[in-house]
Amino acid sequence: MGAQLLAEIAAYRYQVFVETLGWQLDCPPGCELDQFDHAHAHYLLLRDESGALGGCARLLPTLRPYLLQEVFPMLAPGLLPRDAAVWELSRFAVLNPSQALIDADRPRAHSTLPQFSSTEAIALLQAALDHARGLGVRSLVTVSPVGIERLLNMAGFVTRALAPAQVVGGHRLFACQIECQSRRPLRVQAAGRSPSVQAA
């Protein structure tokens, strides 16, 4: 991936995770990258009709260091995958035109079912799963706030918790595994136009 595209991702993530969510991250102003943004990371980018970046997701192989393993190992003690067929999904967020934020790493007070069930969030997650499956990946693991598993299941994704949730940094989080397969028929109607999703 080119330096210009990585800079665009870093600026978008700073806007979302630092300015909007208020995360306290060790990063320079306007640029959110971490030790997991390396040559082995894969990115899915969601763009609107004008080409503006409106969502992002990062995929990491679990054969190398990844967020759950290095930062949140307490969420899946003894169960941390190290498998070519299991990758990690992190830095997943969609900031839609109404400024409704869907974040799969940490909770947000107004993250509600209608927001998660937006066309944009579903399309980005399905694109991440399809991309991973194309790499021979069977499932993705991710750190999620409690409640996301139910929302994922209602949207038709097949998930399971790796271990009971724990309170980390004042939030109830859990390690979630998502199968890389097509969604079941939706029990929640998604609305809106289909976005453009780009793999990088």
N, C-alpha and C. Protein backbone atom coordinates (compact mmCIF):
# COMPACT_ATOMS: atom_id res chain seq x y z
N MET A 1 0.85 -1.19 0.00
CA MET A 1 0.00 0.00 0.00
C MET A 1 0.88 1.24 0.00
N GLY A 2 0.47 2.26 -0.75
CA GLY A 2 1.25 3.48 -0.86
C GLY A 2 1.18 4.34 0.39
N ALA A 3 2.19 5.21 0.53
CA ALA A 3 2.27 6.08 1.69
C ALA A 3 1.10 7.06 1.74
N GLN A 4 0.63 7.51 0.59
CA GLN A 4 -0.48 8.47 0.56
C GLN A 4 -1.77 7.84 1.08
N LEU A 5 -2.04 6.59 0.70
CA LEU A 5 -3.24 5.92 1.17
C LEU A 5 -3.15 5.64 2.67
N LEU A 6 -1.98 5.23 3.15
CA LEU A 6 -1.82 4.99 4.58
C LEU A 6 -2.01 6.28 5.37
N ALA A 7 -1.53 7.41 4.83
CA ALA A 7 -1.72 8.69 5.49
C ALA A 7 -3.20 9.06 5.56
N GLU A 8 -3.95 8.73 4.51
CA GLU A 8 -5.39 8.99 4.51
C GLU A 8 -6.09 8.17 5.59
N ILE A 9 -5.70 6.90 5.70
CA ILE A 9 -6.26 6.03 6.73
C ILE A 9 -5.92 6.57 8.12
N ALA A 10 -4.67 6.97 8.31
CA ALA A 10 -4.23 7.47 9.61
C ALA A 10 -4.99 8.73 10.02
N ALA A 11 -5.24 9.62 9.06
CA ALA A 11 -5.97 10.85 9.35
C ALA A 11 -7.43 10.54 9.69
N TYR A 12 -8.04 9.62 8.94
CA TYR A 12 -9.42 9.25 9.21
C TYR A 12 -9.54 8.61 10.59
N ARG A 13 -8.65 7.70 10.92
CA ARG A 13 -8.70 7.04 12.21
C ARG A 13 -8.47 8.02 13.35
N TYR A 14 -7.64 9.02 13.16
CA TYR A 14 -7.46 10.03 14.19
C TYR A 14 -8.77 10.80 14.42
N GLN A 15 -9.42 11.14 13.32
CA GLN A 15 -10.70 11.85 13.42
C GLN A 15 -11.72 11.01 14.19
N VAL A 16 -11.78 9.72 13.88
CA VAL A 16 -12.77 8.85 14.50
C VAL A 16 -12.41 8.51 15.94
N PHE A 17 -11.23 7.91 16.13
CA PHE A 17 -10.91 7.33 17.43
C PHE A 17 -10.44 8.35 18.45
N VAL A 18 -9.73 9.39 18.03
CA VAL A 18 -9.22 10.38 18.97
C VAL A 18 -10.19 11.54 19.12
N GLU A 19 -10.57 12.16 17.99
CA GLU A 19 -11.41 13.35 18.08
C GLU A 19 -12.86 13.04 18.41
N THR A 20 -13.40 11.95 17.83
CA THR A 20 -14.82 11.63 18.05
C THR A 20 -15.03 10.76 19.29
N LEU A 21 -14.26 9.68 19.39
CA LEU A 21 -14.42 8.77 20.53
C LEU A 21 -13.66 9.22 21.77
N GLY A 22 -12.65 10.05 21.58
CA GLY A 22 -11.89 10.54 22.72
C GLY A 22 -10.90 9.55 23.30
N TRP A 23 -10.43 8.61 22.49
CA TRP A 23 -9.42 7.67 22.99
C TRP A 23 -8.15 8.42 23.33
N GLN A 24 -7.49 7.98 24.40
CA GLN A 24 -6.18 8.51 24.77
C GLN A 24 -5.12 7.62 24.14
N LEU A 25 -4.66 7.98 22.97
CA LEU A 25 -3.70 7.16 22.22
C LEU A 25 -2.38 7.90 22.08
N ASP A 26 -1.31 7.13 22.06
CA ASP A 26 0.03 7.69 21.90
C ASP A 26 0.30 7.87 20.41
N CYS A 27 -0.16 9.00 19.87
CA CYS A 27 0.01 9.25 18.44
C CYS A 27 0.11 10.76 18.23
N PRO A 28 0.78 11.17 17.16
CA PRO A 28 0.88 12.61 16.88
C PRO A 28 -0.46 13.16 16.40
N PRO A 29 -0.67 14.45 16.54
CA PRO A 29 -1.93 15.06 16.08
C PRO A 29 -2.20 14.76 14.61
N GLY A 30 -3.43 14.29 14.35
CA GLY A 30 -3.86 14.06 12.98
C GLY A 30 -3.42 12.75 12.36
N CYS A 31 -2.80 11.87 13.15
CA CYS A 31 -2.26 10.63 12.58
C CYS A 31 -2.37 9.49 13.59
N GLU A 32 -3.33 8.59 13.40
CA GLU A 32 -3.50 7.46 14.31
C GLU A 32 -3.04 6.18 13.64
N LEU A 33 -1.86 5.74 14.00
CA LEU A 33 -1.32 4.46 13.59
C LEU A 33 -0.74 3.79 14.83
N ASP A 34 -0.63 2.46 14.81
CA ASP A 34 -0.03 1.77 15.95
C ASP A 34 0.95 0.71 15.45
N GLN A 35 1.45 -0.10 16.38
CA GLN A 35 2.47 -1.08 16.03
C GLN A 35 1.95 -2.19 15.12
N PHE A 36 0.63 -2.26 14.96
CA PHE A 36 0.05 -3.31 14.14
C PHE A 36 -0.20 -2.86 12.69
N ASP A 37 0.10 -1.61 12.40
CA ASP A 37 -0.02 -1.12 11.03
C ASP A 37 1.31 -1.36 10.32
N HIS A 38 1.46 -2.58 9.85
CA HIS A 38 2.71 -2.98 9.22
C HIS A 38 2.43 -3.61 7.86
N ALA A 39 3.44 -4.12 7.24
CA ALA A 39 3.32 -4.63 5.87
C ALA A 39 2.39 -5.83 5.74
N HIS A 40 2.11 -6.52 6.85
CA HIS A 40 1.26 -7.71 6.80
C HIS A 40 -0.22 -7.39 7.09
N ALA A 41 -0.52 -6.13 7.38
CA ALA A 41 -1.91 -5.73 7.64
C ALA A 41 -2.65 -5.53 6.31
N HIS A 42 -3.93 -5.90 6.31
CA HIS A 42 -4.82 -5.65 5.17
C HIS A 42 -5.89 -4.66 5.63
N TYR A 43 -6.31 -3.77 4.75
CA TYR A 43 -7.28 -2.74 5.09
C TYR A 43 -8.48 -2.80 4.15
N LEU A 44 -9.66 -2.56 4.71
CA LEU A 44 -10.88 -2.39 3.93
C LEU A 44 -11.35 -0.96 4.16
N LEU A 45 -11.61 -0.24 3.08
CA LEU A 45 -11.99 1.16 3.16
C LEU A 45 -13.35 1.37 2.52
N LEU A 46 -14.19 2.10 3.20
CA LEU A 46 -15.52 2.41 2.69
C LEU A 46 -15.53 3.86 2.22
N ARG A 47 -15.98 4.09 1.00
CA ARG A 47 -16.01 5.45 0.45
C ARG A 47 -17.43 5.80 0.01
N ASP A 48 -17.75 7.09 0.14
CA ASP A 48 -19.05 7.54 -0.32
C ASP A 48 -18.98 7.89 -1.81
N GLU A 49 -20.07 8.41 -2.34
CA GLU A 49 -20.13 8.67 -3.78
C GLU A 49 -19.11 9.70 -4.24
N SER A 50 -18.66 10.57 -3.34
CA SER A 50 -17.67 11.58 -3.70
C SER A 50 -16.24 11.05 -3.59
N GLY A 51 -16.10 9.82 -3.06
CA GLY A 51 -14.78 9.25 -2.87
C GLY A 51 -14.21 9.48 -1.49
N ALA A 52 -14.95 10.20 -0.64
CA ALA A 52 -14.47 10.49 0.71
C ALA A 52 -14.49 9.21 1.56
N LEU A 53 -13.49 9.06 2.40
CA LEU A 53 -13.39 7.90 3.27
C LEU A 53 -14.44 7.99 4.37
N GLY A 54 -15.26 6.93 4.51
CA GLY A 54 -16.32 6.94 5.52
C GLY A 54 -16.32 5.73 6.41
N GLY A 55 -15.32 4.86 6.28
CA GLY A 55 -15.24 3.68 7.13
C GLY A 55 -13.92 2.97 6.90
N CYS A 56 -13.49 2.23 7.90
CA CYS A 56 -12.24 1.49 7.76
C CYS A 56 -12.28 0.23 8.61
N ALA A 57 -11.46 -0.72 8.23
CA ALA A 57 -11.30 -1.96 8.99
C ALA A 57 -9.91 -2.49 8.71
N ARG A 58 -9.31 -3.11 9.70
CA ARG A 58 -7.97 -3.67 9.54
C ARG A 58 -8.00 -5.16 9.85
N LEU A 59 -7.33 -5.93 9.02
CA LEU A 59 -7.21 -7.37 9.22
C LEU A 59 -5.75 -7.71 9.47
N LEU A 60 -5.51 -8.53 10.50
CA LEU A 60 -4.16 -8.93 10.88
C LEU A 60 -4.07 -10.44 11.03
N PRO A 61 -3.01 -11.06 10.51
CA PRO A 61 -2.83 -12.49 10.71
C PRO A 61 -2.47 -12.79 12.16
N THR A 62 -3.04 -13.82 12.73
CA THR A 62 -2.73 -14.15 14.12
C THR A 62 -1.43 -14.92 14.27
N LEU A 63 -0.77 -15.23 13.16
CA LEU A 63 0.56 -15.83 13.24
C LEU A 63 1.61 -14.78 13.60
N ARG A 64 1.22 -13.51 13.58
CA ARG A 64 2.07 -12.41 14.01
C ARG A 64 1.38 -11.68 15.15
N PRO A 65 2.08 -10.82 15.90
CA PRO A 65 1.45 -10.09 17.00
C PRO A 65 0.21 -9.33 16.53
N TYR A 66 -0.85 -9.36 17.34
CA TYR A 66 -2.09 -8.66 17.00
C TYR A 66 -2.70 -8.08 18.26
N LEU A 67 -3.69 -7.21 18.11
CA LEU A 67 -4.23 -6.40 19.20
C LEU A 67 -4.75 -7.25 20.36
N LEU A 68 -5.59 -8.23 20.09
CA LEU A 68 -6.15 -9.06 21.16
C LEU A 68 -5.04 -9.75 21.93
N GLN A 69 -4.08 -10.28 21.24
CA GLN A 69 -2.98 -11.01 21.86
C GLN A 69 -2.09 -10.10 22.70
N GLU A 70 -1.77 -8.93 22.18
CA GLU A 70 -0.79 -8.06 22.83
C GLU A 70 -1.38 -7.09 23.84
N VAL A 71 -2.60 -6.61 23.60
CA VAL A 71 -3.19 -5.57 24.44
C VAL A 71 -4.31 -6.08 25.33
N PHE A 72 -5.09 -7.06 24.84
CA PHE A 72 -6.24 -7.56 25.60
C PHE A 72 -6.18 -9.07 25.83
N PRO A 73 -5.04 -9.64 26.20
CA PRO A 73 -4.97 -11.10 26.35
C PRO A 73 -5.86 -11.63 27.47
N MET A 74 -6.20 -10.76 28.43
CA MET A 74 -7.05 -11.19 29.54
C MET A 74 -8.47 -11.53 29.09
N LEU A 75 -8.85 -11.14 27.87
CA LEU A 75 -10.21 -11.39 27.40
C LEU A 75 -10.38 -12.80 26.85
N ALA A 76 -9.28 -13.50 26.60
CA ALA A 76 -9.37 -14.88 26.09
C ALA A 76 -8.19 -15.68 26.61
N PRO A 77 -8.08 -15.80 27.95
CA PRO A 77 -6.93 -16.50 28.53
C PRO A 77 -6.84 -17.95 28.06
N GLY A 78 -5.69 -18.31 27.52
CA GLY A 78 -5.49 -19.68 27.04
C GLY A 78 -6.18 -19.99 25.74
N LEU A 79 -6.87 -19.00 25.16
CA LEU A 79 -7.65 -19.24 23.94
C LEU A 79 -7.22 -18.35 22.78
N LEU A 80 -6.11 -17.64 22.93
CA LEU A 80 -5.68 -16.72 21.88
C LEU A 80 -5.25 -17.49 20.64
N PRO A 81 -5.91 -17.27 19.53
CA PRO A 81 -5.56 -18.05 18.32
C PRO A 81 -4.20 -17.68 17.75
N ARG A 82 -3.54 -18.66 17.25
CA ARG A 82 -2.31 -18.49 16.46
C ARG A 82 -2.43 -19.50 15.33
N ASP A 83 -3.12 -19.06 14.28
CA ASP A 83 -3.58 -19.98 13.26
C ASP A 83 -3.67 -19.23 11.93
N ALA A 84 -3.14 -19.80 10.87
CA ALA A 84 -3.21 -19.16 9.56
C ALA A 84 -4.65 -18.97 9.09
N ALA A 85 -5.58 -19.76 9.61
CA ALA A 85 -6.98 -19.68 9.20
C ALA A 85 -7.80 -18.75 10.08
N VAL A 86 -7.16 -18.10 11.06
CA VAL A 86 -7.85 -17.16 11.94
C VAL A 86 -7.09 -15.84 11.93
N TRP A 87 -7.75 -14.78 11.53
CA TRP A 87 -7.16 -13.44 11.53
C TRP A 87 -7.92 -12.56 12.50
N GLU A 88 -7.39 -11.37 12.75
CA GLU A 88 -8.05 -10.42 13.65
C GLU A 88 -8.63 -9.25 12.87
N LEU A 89 -9.81 -8.82 13.28
CA LEU A 89 -10.44 -7.60 12.78
C LEU A 89 -10.29 -6.53 13.85
N SER A 90 -9.70 -5.39 13.50
CA SER A 90 -9.57 -4.30 14.46
C SER A 90 -9.69 -2.97 13.73
N ARG A 91 -9.75 -1.89 14.51
CA ARG A 91 -9.93 -0.55 13.97
C ARG A 91 -11.07 -0.50 12.96
N PHE A 92 -12.17 -1.16 13.33
CA PHE A 92 -13.37 -1.16 12.49
C PHE A 92 -14.27 -0.01 12.95
N ALA A 93 -14.57 0.87 12.03
CA ALA A 93 -15.46 1.98 12.37
C ALA A 93 -16.10 2.52 11.11
N VAL A 94 -17.32 3.01 11.26
CA VAL A 94 -18.04 3.67 10.17
C VAL A 94 -18.59 4.97 10.71
N LEU A 95 -18.17 6.06 10.13
CA LEU A 95 -18.70 7.37 10.49
C LEU A 95 -19.57 7.81 9.33
N ASN A 96 -20.89 7.62 9.48
CA ASN A 96 -21.78 7.89 8.36
C ASN A 96 -22.15 9.37 8.28
N PRO A 97 -22.86 9.77 7.23
CA PRO A 97 -23.14 11.21 7.06
C PRO A 97 -23.87 11.85 8.23
N SER A 98 -24.63 11.07 9.01
CA SER A 98 -25.33 11.65 10.16
C SER A 98 -24.46 11.63 11.41
N GLN A 99 -23.17 11.25 11.25
CA GLN A 99 -22.20 11.22 12.33
C GLN A 99 -22.50 10.13 13.36
N ALA A 100 -23.22 9.10 12.95
CA ALA A 100 -23.47 7.95 13.84
C ALA A 100 -22.27 7.01 13.71
N LEU A 101 -21.63 6.72 14.83
CA LEU A 101 -20.38 5.97 14.80
C LEU A 101 -20.61 4.54 15.24
N ILE A 102 -20.10 3.60 14.44
CA ILE A 102 -20.12 2.19 14.80
C ILE A 102 -18.69 1.78 15.01
N ASP A 103 -18.34 1.35 16.22
CA ASP A 103 -16.96 1.02 16.55
C ASP A 103 -16.90 -0.35 17.17
N ALA A 104 -16.15 -1.26 16.59
CA ALA A 104 -16.10 -2.64 17.07
C ALA A 104 -14.96 -2.88 18.04
N ASP A 105 -14.14 -1.87 18.34
CA ASP A 105 -13.07 -2.05 19.31
C ASP A 105 -13.50 -1.65 20.72
N ARG A 106 -14.24 -0.55 20.81
CA ARG A 106 -14.64 -0.05 22.12
C ARG A 106 -16.07 0.48 22.04
N PRO A 107 -16.75 0.59 23.18
CA PRO A 107 -18.16 1.00 23.16
C PRO A 107 -18.35 2.49 22.97
N ARG A 108 -19.51 2.83 22.55
CA ARG A 108 -19.93 4.22 22.39
C ARG A 108 -21.36 4.29 22.88
N ALA A 109 -21.67 5.30 23.69
CA ALA A 109 -22.97 5.34 24.34
C ALA A 109 -24.13 5.29 23.35
N HIS A 110 -23.97 5.93 22.17
CA HIS A 110 -25.09 5.97 21.24
C HIS A 110 -24.98 4.92 20.14
N SER A 111 -24.15 3.89 20.35
CA SER A 111 -24.08 2.82 19.35
C SER A 111 -25.31 1.93 19.49
N THR A 112 -26.30 2.17 18.68
CA THR A 112 -27.56 1.46 18.80
C THR A 112 -27.73 0.52 17.62
N LEU A 113 -28.73 -0.33 17.71
CA LEU A 113 -28.97 -1.30 16.65
C LEU A 113 -29.21 -0.66 15.29
N PRO A 114 -30.02 0.39 15.18
CA PRO A 114 -30.19 0.99 13.85
C PRO A 114 -28.88 1.47 13.26
N GLN A 115 -27.99 2.02 14.10
CA GLN A 115 -26.71 2.49 13.59
C GLN A 115 -25.87 1.32 13.12
N PHE A 116 -25.78 0.27 13.94
CA PHE A 116 -24.96 -0.87 13.53
C PHE A 116 -25.55 -1.54 12.30
N SER A 117 -26.86 -1.53 12.18
CA SER A 117 -27.52 -2.23 11.08
C SER A 117 -27.54 -1.40 9.80
N SER A 118 -26.82 -0.28 9.79
CA SER A 118 -26.80 0.53 8.58
C SER A 118 -26.17 -0.25 7.43
N THR A 119 -26.56 0.10 6.24
CA THR A 119 -26.01 -0.53 5.05
C THR A 119 -24.49 -0.43 5.05
N GLU A 120 -23.96 0.72 5.45
CA GLU A 120 -22.53 0.95 5.40
C GLU A 120 -21.77 -0.01 6.32
N ALA A 121 -22.22 -0.14 7.56
CA ALA A 121 -21.51 -1.01 8.51
C ALA A 121 -21.58 -2.47 8.09
N ILE A 122 -22.76 -2.90 7.66
CA ILE A 122 -22.93 -4.29 7.23
C ILE A 122 -22.08 -4.57 6.00
N ALA A 123 -22.08 -3.63 5.04
CA ALA A 123 -21.30 -3.83 3.82
C ALA A 123 -19.81 -3.90 4.11
N LEU A 124 -19.33 -3.04 5.01
CA LEU A 124 -17.90 -3.05 5.33
C LEU A 124 -17.50 -4.34 6.04
N LEU A 125 -18.32 -4.78 6.99
CA LEU A 125 -18.01 -6.01 7.70
C LEU A 125 -18.06 -7.21 6.75
N GLN A 126 -19.08 -7.28 5.89
CA GLN A 126 -19.17 -8.39 4.95
C GLN A 126 -17.99 -8.37 3.98
N ALA A 127 -17.56 -7.17 3.56
CA ALA A 127 -16.40 -7.07 2.67
C ALA A 127 -15.14 -7.56 3.37
N ALA A 128 -15.01 -7.26 4.66
CA ALA A 128 -13.86 -7.74 5.42
C ALA A 128 -13.87 -9.26 5.51
N LEU A 129 -15.03 -9.83 5.75
CA LEU A 129 -15.15 -11.29 5.82
C LEU A 129 -14.88 -11.93 4.46
N ASP A 130 -15.39 -11.34 3.40
CA ASP A 130 -15.16 -11.87 2.05
C ASP A 130 -13.68 -11.80 1.69
N HIS A 131 -13.05 -10.68 2.02
CA HIS A 131 -11.63 -10.52 1.73
C HIS A 131 -10.81 -11.56 2.50
N ALA A 132 -11.14 -11.73 3.77
CA ALA A 132 -10.42 -12.71 4.59
C ALA A 132 -10.62 -14.12 4.03
N ARG A 133 -11.85 -14.43 3.66
CA ARG A 133 -12.12 -15.76 3.10
C ARG A 133 -11.32 -16.00 1.83
N GLY A 134 -11.12 -14.96 1.04
CA GLY A 134 -10.32 -15.07 -0.16
C GLY A 134 -8.85 -15.35 0.14
N LEU A 135 -8.43 -15.05 1.35
CA LEU A 135 -7.06 -15.33 1.79
C LEU A 135 -6.94 -16.72 2.44
N GLY A 136 -8.05 -17.45 2.46
CA GLY A 136 -8.05 -18.76 3.09
C GLY A 136 -8.35 -18.72 4.57
N VAL A 137 -8.89 -17.59 5.03
CA VAL A 137 -9.20 -17.42 6.46
C VAL A 137 -10.58 -17.99 6.76
N ARG A 138 -10.70 -18.69 7.87
CA ARG A 138 -11.94 -19.33 8.27
C ARG A 138 -12.79 -18.43 9.17
N SER A 139 -12.13 -17.66 10.05
CA SER A 139 -12.86 -16.80 10.97
C SER A 139 -11.99 -15.64 11.41
N LEU A 140 -12.65 -14.59 11.92
CA LEU A 140 -11.99 -13.42 12.46
C LEU A 140 -12.26 -13.31 13.95
N VAL A 141 -11.28 -12.84 14.70
CA VAL A 141 -11.48 -12.53 16.10
C VAL A 141 -11.39 -11.02 16.27
N THR A 142 -12.09 -10.50 17.26
CA THR A 142 -12.08 -9.06 17.50
C THR A 142 -12.40 -8.78 18.95
N VAL A 143 -11.99 -7.63 19.43
CA VAL A 143 -12.36 -7.14 20.76
C VAL A 143 -13.58 -6.26 20.60
N SER A 144 -14.64 -6.57 21.32
CA SER A 144 -15.90 -5.85 21.14
C SER A 144 -16.54 -5.53 22.48
N PRO A 145 -17.34 -4.46 22.54
CA PRO A 145 -18.13 -4.20 23.74
C PRO A 145 -19.28 -5.20 23.85
N VAL A 146 -19.69 -5.48 25.07
CA VAL A 146 -20.82 -6.37 25.28
C VAL A 146 -22.05 -5.83 24.55
N GLY A 147 -22.76 -6.67 23.89
CA GLY A 147 -23.94 -6.26 23.13
C GLY A 147 -23.71 -6.34 21.64
N ILE A 148 -22.46 -6.22 21.21
CA ILE A 148 -22.16 -6.28 19.78
C ILE A 148 -22.46 -7.67 19.21
N GLU A 149 -22.21 -8.72 20.00
CA GLU A 149 -22.48 -10.07 19.51
C GLU A 149 -23.95 -10.24 19.14
N ARG A 150 -24.83 -9.74 19.98
CA ARG A 150 -26.26 -9.84 19.70
C ARG A 150 -26.61 -9.06 18.43
N LEU A 151 -26.03 -7.87 18.29
CA LEU A 151 -26.31 -7.07 17.11
C LEU A 151 -25.78 -7.74 15.85
N LEU A 152 -24.59 -8.33 15.94
CA LEU A 152 -24.03 -9.05 14.79
C LEU A 152 -24.93 -10.22 14.39
N ASN A 153 -25.39 -10.96 15.40
CA ASN A 153 -26.26 -12.10 15.11
C ASN A 153 -27.58 -11.65 14.50
N MET A 154 -28.12 -10.56 14.99
CA MET A 154 -29.38 -10.06 14.45
C MET A 154 -29.20 -9.59 13.01
N ALA A 155 -27.98 -9.14 12.68
CA ALA A 155 -27.70 -8.71 11.31
C ALA A 155 -27.37 -9.88 10.41
N GLY A 156 -27.32 -11.09 10.97
CA GLY A 156 -27.13 -12.28 10.16
C GLY A 156 -25.74 -12.87 10.18
N PHE A 157 -24.81 -12.29 10.95
CA PHE A 157 -23.46 -12.84 11.04
C PHE A 157 -23.41 -13.95 12.09
N VAL A 158 -22.52 -14.91 11.88
CA VAL A 158 -22.38 -16.05 12.80
C VAL A 158 -21.20 -15.78 13.73
N THR A 159 -21.46 -15.63 15.02
CA THR A 159 -20.43 -15.26 15.98
C THR A 159 -20.49 -16.13 17.22
N ARG A 160 -19.43 -16.06 18.01
CA ARG A 160 -19.43 -16.67 19.34
C ARG A 160 -18.41 -15.96 20.21
N ALA A 161 -18.68 -15.90 21.50
CA ALA A 161 -17.75 -15.33 22.45
C ALA A 161 -16.67 -16.36 22.77
N LEU A 162 -15.42 -15.93 22.84
CA LEU A 162 -14.34 -16.84 23.19
C LEU A 162 -14.26 -17.08 24.69
N ALA A 163 -14.72 -16.13 25.48
CA ALA A 163 -14.68 -16.23 26.94
C ALA A 163 -15.66 -15.22 27.52
N PRO A 164 -15.99 -15.33 28.81
CA PRO A 164 -16.89 -14.34 29.42
C PRO A 164 -16.31 -12.93 29.34
N ALA A 165 -17.19 -11.95 29.27
CA ALA A 165 -16.77 -10.56 29.19
C ALA A 165 -16.08 -10.13 30.48
N GLN A 166 -15.23 -9.12 30.37
CA GLN A 166 -14.55 -8.56 31.52
C GLN A 166 -14.60 -7.04 31.44
N VAL A 167 -14.44 -6.39 32.57
CA VAL A 167 -14.37 -4.93 32.60
C VAL A 167 -12.92 -4.52 32.40
N VAL A 168 -12.68 -3.77 31.34
CA VAL A 168 -11.35 -3.29 31.01
C VAL A 168 -11.44 -1.79 30.76
N GLY A 169 -10.72 -1.01 31.55
CA GLY A 169 -10.77 0.44 31.37
C GLY A 169 -12.15 1.02 31.56
N GLY A 170 -12.95 0.40 32.43
CA GLY A 170 -14.29 0.90 32.71
C GLY A 170 -15.35 0.44 31.73
N HIS A 171 -15.00 -0.42 30.77
CA HIS A 171 -15.95 -0.92 29.78
C HIS A 171 -16.00 -2.44 29.83
N ARG A 172 -17.19 -3.01 29.62
CA ARG A 172 -17.32 -4.45 29.54
C ARG A 172 -17.02 -4.90 28.12
N LEU A 173 -15.91 -5.61 27.95
CA LEU A 173 -15.46 -6.05 26.64
C LEU A 173 -15.37 -7.56 26.60
N PHE A 174 -15.41 -8.11 25.41
CA PHE A 174 -15.22 -9.54 25.25
C PHE A 174 -14.54 -9.83 23.92
N ALA A 175 -13.93 -11.00 23.84
CA ALA A 175 -13.31 -11.45 22.60
C ALA A 175 -14.35 -12.21 21.80
N CYS A 176 -14.56 -11.79 20.57
CA CYS A 176 -15.61 -12.34 19.72
C CYS A 176 -14.99 -12.97 18.48
N GLN A 177 -15.53 -14.10 18.07
CA GLN A 177 -15.11 -14.75 16.83
C GLN A 177 -16.25 -14.68 15.82
N ILE A 178 -15.93 -14.26 14.60
CA ILE A 178 -16.92 -14.10 13.53
C ILE A 178 -16.54 -15.04 12.39
N GLU A 179 -17.46 -15.87 11.98
CA GLU A 179 -17.19 -16.82 10.90
C GLU A 179 -17.16 -16.11 9.54
N CYS A 180 -16.21 -16.48 8.70
CA CYS A 180 -16.08 -15.88 7.37
C CYS A 180 -17.01 -16.60 6.38
N GLN A 181 -18.25 -16.30 6.45
CA GLN A 181 -19.23 -16.91 5.57
C GLN A 181 -20.30 -15.88 5.27
N SER A 182 -21.13 -16.17 4.32
CA SER A 182 -22.20 -15.25 3.98
C SER A 182 -23.18 -15.16 5.13
N ARG A 183 -23.78 -13.99 5.28
CA ARG A 183 -24.73 -13.78 6.36
C ARG A 183 -25.98 -14.61 6.15
N ARG A 184 -26.62 -14.95 7.28
CA ARG A 184 -27.94 -15.54 7.21
C ARG A 184 -28.92 -14.45 6.78
N PRO A 185 -30.15 -14.82 6.35
CA PRO A 185 -31.12 -13.78 5.99
C PRO A 185 -31.30 -12.80 7.14
N LEU A 186 -31.34 -11.53 6.80
CA LEU A 186 -31.45 -10.49 7.81
C LEU A 186 -32.77 -10.54 8.56
N ARG A 187 -32.67 -10.34 9.90
CA ARG A 187 -33.86 -10.16 10.70
C ARG A 187 -34.08 -8.67 10.97
N VAL A 188 -33.11 -7.86 10.52
CA VAL A 188 -33.23 -6.40 10.65
C VAL A 188 -33.06 -5.81 9.26
N GLN A 189 -33.98 -4.95 8.87
CA GLN A 189 -33.91 -4.37 7.54
C GLN A 189 -32.86 -3.28 7.50
N ALA A 190 -31.92 -3.37 6.58
CA ALA A 190 -30.94 -2.32 6.39
C ALA A 190 -31.44 -1.37 5.32
N ALA A 191 -31.12 -0.10 5.46
CA ALA A 191 -31.60 0.90 4.52
C ALA A 191 -30.43 1.71 4.00
N GLY A 192 -30.63 2.36 2.85
CA GLY A 192 -29.59 3.22 2.29
C GLY A 192 -28.95 2.60 1.08
N ARG A 193 -28.11 3.37 0.43
CA ARG A 193 -27.44 2.91 -0.77
C ARG A 193 -26.25 2.02 -0.41
N SER A 194 -25.90 1.15 -1.30
CA SER A 194 -24.74 0.31 -1.09
C SER A 194 -23.49 1.16 -1.27
N PRO A 195 -22.56 1.12 -0.30
CA PRO A 195 -21.35 1.93 -0.41
C PRO A 195 -20.30 1.23 -1.26
N SER A 196 -19.25 1.95 -1.56
CA SER A 196 -18.11 1.39 -2.28
C SER A 196 -17.06 0.96 -1.27
N VAL A 197 -16.67 -0.31 -1.31
CA VAL A 197 -15.67 -0.82 -0.38
C VAL A 197 -14.43 -1.21 -1.16
N GLN A 198 -13.29 -0.75 -0.67
CA GLN A 198 -12.00 -0.94 -1.35
C GLN A 198 -11.07 -1.73 -0.43
N ALA A 199 -10.42 -2.74 -0.97
CA ALA A 199 -9.39 -3.48 -0.22
C ALA A 199 -8.05 -2.85 -0.51
N ALA A 200 -7.24 -2.70 0.52
CA ALA A 200 -5.91 -2.10 0.35
C ALA A 200 -4.88 -2.88 1.15
